[in-house]
Amino acid sequence: DIGALHLPRKVISSQYLVERLSLQHRLRGHRGCVNSIMFLETLDRVLTGSDDTDLNIFDISTGEMVGHIPTIHTNNIFWAKDLPGSVGRSILSCAADGRVIIHEDVDRETSSVGSSKVLFRHRGRAHRLDLMHGSYSCFFSCGEDGVVNLYDLRSERAVVGSTVFHRSGSKYQSSELVRGGLHTSPHRMPCYCISSSPTRPQVSSCTLERLFSSTKILSL
């Protein structure tokens, strides 16, 4: 008996299904390493982010590039995904320049961007974002500065909470960020990955070893 949450994991790890995979298309268009590839919410296109600081959109039925979005990032893009409910019109991205950016009013036909806004800049590379399950406006970011942010795009200030991970002796701890400034511990632990629970979205894991609750993140 396989539960609904475990079925996708069982399917993905099936040796039989993996051996049946075959190459359908080569997606060409980037001028650097591709670090992020995600299906758009419509599932008919994929969004890719690269070291060339550009976002490309490909039609999965033909493999053709149907959109090209130059961004205001100045270093390698590590993660990019459209917001739930936006039908590809709002895209989030983070990169090695530390910036967390939202690209809004993306035109489906021309891929032109109405505006791009920097929501936060980590002191170091920003490696991952994670969309909070069941929410159209809340997500997390993490970076090499050890900072984990909680965002709510409905708020006047996008960042509504923050915490920082650091080492104290042989233990790992999380501390609230000082209001108006960052925690000054010289022993910060970089966060390279973050993921929220699909059944308890307020609980997230960071750096594959830390569990924390968004209710424990300091409200700014």
C-alpha atoms as a PDB file:
ATOM      1  CA  ASP A   1       0.000   0.000   0.000  1.00  0.00           C
ATOM      2  CA  ILE A   2       1.694   3.199  -1.235  1.00  0.00           C
ATOM      3  CA  GLY A   3       0.397   6.509   0.058  1.00  0.00           C
ATOM      4  CA  ALA A   4      -0.266   9.449  -2.263  1.00  0.00           C
ATOM      5  CA  LEU A   5       2.781  11.316  -0.927  1.00  0.00           C
ATOM      6  CA  HIS A   6       5.128   8.366  -1.466  1.00  0.00           C
ATOM      7  CA  LEU A   7       3.876   7.333  -4.914  1.00  0.00           C
ATOM      8  CA  PRO A   8       5.766  10.038  -6.885  1.00  0.00           C
ATOM      9  CA  ARG A   9       8.990   9.092  -5.051  1.00  0.00           C
ATOM     10  CA  LYS A  10       8.475   5.413  -5.883  1.00  0.00           C
ATOM     11  CA  VAL A  11       7.789   6.238  -9.537  1.00  0.00           C
ATOM     12  CA  ILE A  12      10.817   8.527  -9.885  1.00  0.00           C
ATOM     13  CA  SER A  13      13.121   5.906  -8.373  1.00  0.00           C
ATOM     14  CA  SER A  14      11.744   3.036 -10.469  1.00  0.00           C
ATOM     15  CA  GLN A  15      14.599   1.406 -12.400  1.00  0.00           C
ATOM     16  CA  TYR A  16      12.124   0.073 -14.960  1.00  0.00           C
ATOM     17  CA  LEU A  17      10.795   3.539 -15.797  1.00  0.00           C
ATOM     18  CA  VAL A  18      14.245   5.135 -15.823  1.00  0.00           C
ATOM     19  CA  GLU A  19      15.495   2.539 -18.327  1.00  0.00           C
ATOM     20  CA  ARG A  20      12.581   3.385 -20.624  1.00  0.00           C
ATOM     21  CA  LEU A  21      13.495   7.078 -20.823  1.00  0.00           C
ATOM     22  CA  SER A  22      14.710   8.300 -24.204  1.00  0.00           C
ATOM     23  CA  LEU A  23      16.019  11.600 -25.530  1.00  0.00           C
ATOM     24  CA  GLN A  24      13.232  13.728 -27.025  1.00  0.00           C
ATOM     25  CA  HIS A  25      14.840  17.118 -27.611  1.00  0.00           C
ATOM     26  CA  ARG A  26      18.032  19.073 -27.006  1.00  0.00           C
ATOM     27  CA  LEU A  27      17.163  22.492 -25.609  1.00  0.00           C
ATOM     28  CA  ARG A  28      19.639  24.940 -27.120  1.00  0.00           C
ATOM     29  CA  GLY A  29      19.939  28.647 -26.446  1.00  0.00           C
ATOM     30  CA  HIS A  30      22.091  29.298 -23.372  1.00  0.00           C
ATOM     31  CA  ARG A  31      25.716  30.451 -23.491  1.00  0.00           C
ATOM     32  CA  GLY A  32      26.707  28.939 -20.144  1.00  0.00           C
ATOM     33  CA  CYS A  33      26.007  26.066 -17.773  1.00  0.00           C
ATOM     34  CA  VAL A  34      22.315  25.481 -17.127  1.00  0.00           C
ATOM     35  CA  ASN A  35      21.669  25.308 -13.376  1.00  0.00           C
ATOM     36  CA  SER A  36      17.871  25.369 -13.228  1.00  0.00           C
ATOM     37  CA  ILE A  37      15.147  23.758 -15.313  1.00  0.00           C
ATOM     38  CA  MET A  38      11.506  23.827 -14.180  1.00  0.00           C
ATOM     39  CA  PHE A  39       8.138  23.193 -15.771  1.00  0.00           C
ATOM     40  CA  LEU A  40       5.929  26.249 -15.950  1.00  0.00           C
ATOM     41  CA  GLU A  41       2.579  25.946 -14.213  1.00  0.00           C
ATOM     42  CA  THR A  42       0.901  25.340 -17.577  1.00  0.00           C
ATOM     43  CA  LEU A  43       3.118  22.215 -18.018  1.00  0.00           C
ATOM     44  CA  ASP A  44       3.545  22.883 -21.754  1.00  0.00           C
ATOM     45  CA  ARG A  45       6.803  24.811 -21.366  1.00  0.00           C
ATOM     46  CA  VAL A  46       9.978  24.674 -19.315  1.00  0.00           C
ATOM     47  CA  LEU A  47      11.894  27.588 -17.817  1.00  0.00           C
ATOM     48  CA  THR A  48      15.692  27.415 -17.632  1.00  0.00           C
ATOM     49  CA  GLY A  49      18.283  29.565 -15.847  1.00  0.00           C
ATOM     50  CA  SER A  50      21.982  29.669 -16.656  1.00  0.00           C
ATOM     51  CA  ASP A  51      25.424  31.070 -15.910  1.00  0.00           C
ATOM     52  CA  ASP A  52      24.794  33.516 -18.769  1.00  0.00           C
ATOM     53  CA  THR A  53      22.318  35.298 -16.396  1.00  0.00           C
ATOM     54  CA  ASP A  54      19.439  34.750 -18.842  1.00  0.00           C
ATOM     55  CA  LEU A  55      16.147  32.892 -18.533  1.00  0.00           C
ATOM     56  CA  ASN A  56      14.912  30.886 -21.509  1.00  0.00           C
ATOM     57  CA  ILE A  57      11.528  29.296 -22.153  1.00  0.00           C
ATOM     58  CA  PHE A  58      11.162  26.168 -24.305  1.00  0.00           C
ATOM     59  CA  ASP A  59       8.142  24.449 -25.823  1.00  0.00           C
ATOM     60  CA  ILE A  60       8.314  20.831 -24.628  1.00  0.00           C
ATOM     61  CA  SER A  61       6.447  19.462 -27.664  1.00  0.00           C
ATOM     62  CA  THR A  62       8.945  20.838 -30.192  1.00  0.00           C
ATOM     63  CA  GLY A  63      12.040  21.622 -28.109  1.00  0.00           C
ATOM     64  CA  GLU A  64      12.142  25.115 -29.626  1.00  0.00           C
ATOM     65  CA  MET A  65      13.054  28.178 -27.587  1.00  0.00           C
ATOM     66  CA  VAL A  66       9.947  30.360 -27.507  1.00  0.00           C
ATOM     67  CA  GLY A  67      11.131  32.958 -25.013  1.00  0.00           C
ATOM     68  CA  HIS A  68      14.337  34.706 -23.967  1.00  0.00           C
ATOM     69  CA  ILE A  69      14.474  36.903 -20.853  1.00  0.00           C
ATOM     70  CA  PRO A  70      17.655  38.897 -20.143  1.00  0.00           C
ATOM     71  CA  THR A  71      17.693  39.533 -16.375  1.00  0.00           C
ATOM     72  CA  ILE A  72      19.280  42.101 -14.074  1.00  0.00           C
ATOM     73  CA  HIS A  73      21.289  39.372 -12.373  1.00  0.00           C
ATOM     74  CA  THR A  74      25.059  39.882 -12.659  1.00  0.00           C
ATOM     75  CA  ASN A  75      26.148  36.307 -11.935  1.00  0.00           C
ATOM     76  CA  ASN A  76      25.085  32.696 -12.407  1.00  0.00           C
ATOM     77  CA  ILE A  77      21.354  32.007 -12.018  1.00  0.00           C
ATOM     78  CA  PHE A  78      20.840  29.014  -9.728  1.00  0.00           C
ATOM     79  CA  TRP A  79      17.032  28.763  -9.500  1.00  0.00           C
ATOM     80  CA  ALA A  80      14.003  30.092 -11.371  1.00  0.00           C
ATOM     81  CA  LYS A  81      10.297  29.234 -11.257  1.00  0.00           C
ATOM     82  CA  ASP A  82       6.964  30.889 -12.050  1.00  0.00           C
ATOM     83  CA  LEU A  83       4.651  31.743  -9.165  1.00  0.00           C
ATOM     84  CA  PRO A  84       1.599  29.482  -8.670  1.00  0.00           C
ATOM     85  CA  GLY A  85      -1.508  31.053 -10.130  1.00  0.00           C
ATOM     86  CA  SER A  86       0.419  33.477 -12.335  1.00  0.00           C
ATOM     87  CA  VAL A  87       0.290  31.247 -15.454  1.00  0.00           C
ATOM     88  CA  GLY A  88       3.921  32.132 -16.177  1.00  0.00           C
ATOM     89  CA  ARG A  89       3.452  35.896 -15.845  1.00  0.00           C
ATOM     90  CA  SER A  90       5.446  36.212 -12.592  1.00  0.00           C
ATOM     91  CA  ILE A  91       8.833  34.508 -12.257  1.00  0.00           C
ATOM     92  CA  LEU A  92      11.118  34.271  -9.227  1.00  0.00           C
ATOM     93  CA  SER A  93      14.871  33.782  -9.518  1.00  0.00           C
ATOM     94  CA  CYS A  94      18.000  33.782  -7.356  1.00  0.00           C
ATOM     95  CA  ALA A  95      21.648  33.812  -8.332  1.00  0.00           C
ATOM     96  CA  ALA A  96      25.299  33.926  -7.352  1.00  0.00           C
ATOM     97  CA  ASP A  97      25.047  37.716  -7.067  1.00  0.00           C
ATOM     98  CA  GLY A  98      22.942  37.111  -3.934  1.00  0.00           C
ATOM     99  CA  ARG A  99      19.854  38.727  -5.425  1.00  0.00           C
ATOM    100  CA  VAL A 100      16.333  37.355  -5.075  1.00  0.00           C
ATOM    101  CA  ILE A 101      14.335  38.874  -7.944  1.00  0.00           C
ATOM    102  CA  ILE A 102      10.733  38.822  -9.099  1.00  0.00           C
ATOM    103  CA  HIS A 103      10.082  39.372 -12.817  1.00  0.00           C
ATOM    104  CA  GLU A 104       6.501  40.533 -13.350  1.00  0.00           C
ATOM    105  CA  ASP A 105       4.107  40.894 -16.281  1.00  0.00           C
ATOM    106  CA  VAL A 106       5.982  38.410 -18.459  1.00  0.00           C
ATOM    107  CA  ASP A 107       4.235  38.253 -21.828  1.00  0.00           C
ATOM    108  CA  ARG A 108       3.584  34.660 -22.944  1.00  0.00           C
ATOM    109  CA  GLU A 109       4.018  35.463 -26.634  1.00  0.00           C
ATOM    110  CA  THR A 110       6.990  37.851 -26.619  1.00  0.00           C
ATOM    111  CA  SER A 111       8.551  37.017 -23.195  1.00  0.00           C
ATOM    112  CA  SER A 112       8.944  40.737 -22.575  1.00  0.00           C
ATOM    113  CA  VAL A 113       9.096  41.646 -18.876  1.00  0.00           C
ATOM    114  CA  GLY A 114       7.052  44.504 -17.462  1.00  0.00           C
ATOM    115  CA  SER A 115       9.310  45.000 -14.427  1.00  0.00           C
ATOM    116  CA  SER A 116      11.997  43.281 -12.366  1.00  0.00           C
ATOM    117  CA  LYS A 117      12.367  43.974  -8.653  1.00  0.00           C
ATOM    118  CA  VAL A 118      15.120  42.937  -6.235  1.00  0.00           C
ATOM    119  CA  LEU A 119      13.382  41.606  -3.117  1.00  0.00           C
ATOM    120  CA  PHE A 120      16.548  40.895  -1.116  1.00  0.00           C
ATOM    121  CA  ARG A 121      20.297  40.526  -1.545  1.00  0.00           C
ATOM    122  CA  HIS A 122      22.111  37.835   0.395  1.00  0.00           C
ATOM    123  CA  ARG A 123      25.710  38.454   1.442  1.00  0.00           C
ATOM    124  CA  GLY A 124      27.018  35.666  -0.732  1.00  0.00           C
ATOM    125  CA  ARG A 125      25.453  33.368  -3.297  1.00  0.00           C
ATOM    126  CA  ALA A 126      21.691  32.807  -3.072  1.00  0.00           C
ATOM    127  CA  HIS A 127      21.339  29.139  -3.944  1.00  0.00           C
ATOM    128  CA  ARG A 128      17.689  28.201  -3.636  1.00  0.00           C
ATOM    129  CA  LEU A 129      14.134  29.431  -3.242  1.00  0.00           C
ATOM    130  CA  ASP A 130      11.230  27.266  -2.187  1.00  0.00           C
ATOM    131  CA  LEU A 131       7.572  27.995  -2.798  1.00  0.00           C
ATOM    132  CA  MET A 132       5.453  27.343   0.277  1.00  0.00           C
ATOM    133  CA  HIS A 133       2.959  24.597  -0.515  1.00  0.00           C
ATOM    134  CA  GLY A 134      -0.618  25.798  -0.827  1.00  0.00           C
ATOM    135  CA  SER A 135       0.381  29.466  -1.040  1.00  0.00           C
ATOM    136  CA  TYR A 136       0.344  31.804  -4.027  1.00  0.00           C
ATOM    137  CA  SER A 137       2.508  34.475  -2.403  1.00  0.00           C
ATOM    138  CA  CYS A 138       4.826  32.978   0.250  1.00  0.00           C
ATOM    139  CA  PHE A 139       8.249  31.435  -0.279  1.00  0.00           C
ATOM    140  CA  PHE A 140      11.667  30.968   1.337  1.00  0.00           C
ATOM    141  CA  SER A 141      15.209  31.838   0.232  1.00  0.00           C
ATOM    142  CA  CYS A 142      18.577  30.644   1.547  1.00  0.00           C
ATOM    143  CA  GLY A 143      22.175  31.602   0.870  1.00  0.00           C
ATOM    144  CA  GLU A 144      25.807  31.148   1.744  1.00  0.00           C
ATOM    145  CA  ASP A 145      25.475  33.871   4.388  1.00  0.00           C
ATOM    146  CA  GLY A 146      23.451  31.373   6.461  1.00  0.00           C
ATOM    147  CA  VAL A 147      20.350  33.526   6.199  1.00  0.00           C
ATOM    148  CA  VAL A 148      16.908  32.020   5.584  1.00  0.00           C
ATOM    149  CA  ASN A 149      14.178  34.497   4.641  1.00  0.00           C
ATOM    150  CA  LEU A 150      10.423  34.125   4.579  1.00  0.00           C
ATOM    151  CA  TYR A 151       8.688  36.275   1.945  1.00  0.00           C
ATOM    152  CA  ASP A 152       5.066  37.303   1.520  1.00  0.00           C
ATOM    153  CA  LEU A 153       4.413  39.200  -1.697  1.00  0.00           C
ATOM    154  CA  ARG A 154       1.160  40.572  -0.271  1.00  0.00           C
ATOM    155  CA  SER A 155       3.147  42.516   2.322  1.00  0.00           C
ATOM    156  CA  GLU A 156       4.498  46.019   1.741  1.00  0.00           C
ATOM    157  CA  ARG A 157       7.917  44.641   2.675  1.00  0.00           C
ATOM    158  CA  ALA A 158       8.433  41.372   0.812  1.00  0.00           C
ATOM    159  CA  VAL A 159      10.683  39.883   3.509  1.00  0.00           C
ATOM    160  CA  VAL A 160       8.467  39.245   6.524  1.00  0.00           C
ATOM    161  CA  GLY A 161      10.832  37.087   8.577  1.00  0.00           C
ATOM    162  CA  SER A 162      14.472  35.996   8.771  1.00  0.00           C
ATOM    163  CA  THR A 163      16.795  33.730  10.710  1.00  0.00           C
ATOM    164  CA  VAL A 164      20.485  32.820  10.439  1.00  0.00           C
ATOM    165  CA  PHE A 165      22.248  29.510  11.035  1.00  0.00           C
ATOM    166  CA  HIS A 166      25.622  29.444  12.742  1.00  0.00           C
ATOM    167  CA  ARG A 167      27.944  27.095  14.569  1.00  0.00           C
ATOM    168  CA  SER A 168      28.478  27.414  18.315  1.00  0.00           C
ATOM    169  CA  GLY A 169      31.232  25.025  19.364  1.00  0.00           C
ATOM    170  CA  SER A 170      30.197  21.592  18.131  1.00  0.00           C
ATOM    171  CA  LYS A 171      26.508  22.533  17.858  1.00  0.00           C
ATOM    172  CA  TYR A 172      24.452  24.115  15.113  1.00  0.00           C
ATOM    173  CA  GLN A 173      22.098  26.876  16.173  1.00  0.00           C
ATOM    174  CA  SER A 174      19.686  29.312  14.587  1.00  0.00           C
ATOM    175  CA  SER A 175      19.374  32.899  15.751  1.00  0.00           C
ATOM    176  CA  GLU A 176      17.011  35.702  15.001  1.00  0.00           C
ATOM    177  CA  LEU A 177      18.299  38.431  12.776  1.00  0.00           C
ATOM    178  CA  VAL A 178      18.827  41.745  14.468  1.00  0.00           C
ATOM    179  CA  ARG A 179      16.107  44.143  13.388  1.00  0.00           C
ATOM    180  CA  GLY A 180      17.630  46.437  10.786  1.00  0.00           C
ATOM    181  CA  GLY A 181      20.809  44.370  10.461  1.00  0.00           C
ATOM    182  CA  LEU A 182      22.287  40.893  10.112  1.00  0.00           C
ATOM    183  CA  HIS A 183      23.546  38.582  12.812  1.00  0.00           C
ATOM    184  CA  THR A 184      27.307  39.184  13.189  1.00  0.00           C
ATOM    185  CA  SER A 185      28.452  35.671  14.154  1.00  0.00           C
ATOM    186  CA  PRO A 186      31.726  34.771  12.385  1.00  0.00           C
ATOM    187  CA  HIS A 187      30.646  31.107  12.345  1.00  0.00           C
ATOM    188  CA  ARG A 188      27.656  31.261  10.021  1.00  0.00           C
ATOM    189  CA  MET A 189      26.712  28.021   8.332  1.00  0.00           C
ATOM    190  CA  PRO A 190      25.943  28.408   4.617  1.00  0.00           C
ATOM    191  CA  CYS A 191      22.556  27.132   3.428  1.00  0.00           C
ATOM    192  CA  TYR A 192      22.633  25.561  -0.024  1.00  0.00           C
ATOM    193  CA  CYS A 193      19.167  24.045  -0.201  1.00  0.00           C
ATOM    194  CA  ILE A 194      15.745  24.578   1.356  1.00  0.00           C
ATOM    195  CA  SER A 195      12.464  22.717   1.108  1.00  0.00           C
ATOM    196  CA  SER A 196       9.124  23.025   2.883  1.00  0.00           C
ATOM    197  CA  SER A 197       6.916  20.122   3.865  1.00  0.00           C
ATOM    198  CA  PRO A 198       3.946  19.535   1.515  1.00  0.00           C
ATOM    199  CA  THR A 199       1.759  18.509   4.459  1.00  0.00           C
ATOM    200  CA  ARG A 200       3.093  21.043   7.002  1.00  0.00           C
ATOM    201  CA  PRO A 201       4.240  24.030   4.891  1.00  0.00           C
ATOM    202  CA  GLN A 202       5.206  26.006   7.982  1.00  0.00           C
ATOM    203  CA  VAL A 203       7.989  23.444   8.616  1.00  0.00           C
ATOM    204  CA  SER A 204      11.059  23.593   6.380  1.00  0.00           C
ATOM    205  CA  SER A 205      14.451  21.955   6.148  1.00  0.00           C
ATOM    206  CA  CYS A 206      17.663  23.759   5.275  1.00  0.00           C
ATOM    207  CA  THR A 207      21.120  22.515   4.285  1.00  0.00           C
ATOM    208  CA  LEU A 208      19.701  18.971   4.394  1.00  0.00           C
ATOM    209  CA  GLU A 209      20.256  18.814   8.146  1.00  0.00           C
ATOM    210  CA  ARG A 210      18.339  21.624   9.824  1.00  0.00           C
ATOM    211  CA  LEU A 211      14.610  21.616  10.548  1.00  0.00           C
ATOM    212  CA  PHE A 212      12.829  24.758  11.581  1.00  0.00           C
ATOM    213  CA  SER A 213       9.367  26.269  11.704  1.00  0.00           C
ATOM    214  CA  SER A 214       8.435  29.475   9.934  1.00  0.00           C
ATOM    215  CA  THR A 215       6.621  30.442  13.126  1.00  0.00           C
ATOM    216  CA  LYS A 216      10.058  30.661  14.773  1.00  0.00           C
ATOM    217  CA  ILE A 217      11.409  33.077  12.173  1.00  0.00           C
ATOM    218  CA  LEU A 218      11.650  36.648  13.422  1.00  0.00           C
ATOM    219  CA  SER A 219       9.001  38.928  11.987  1.00  0.00           C
ATOM    220  CA  LEU A 220      10.615  42.075  10.647  1.00  0.00           C
END
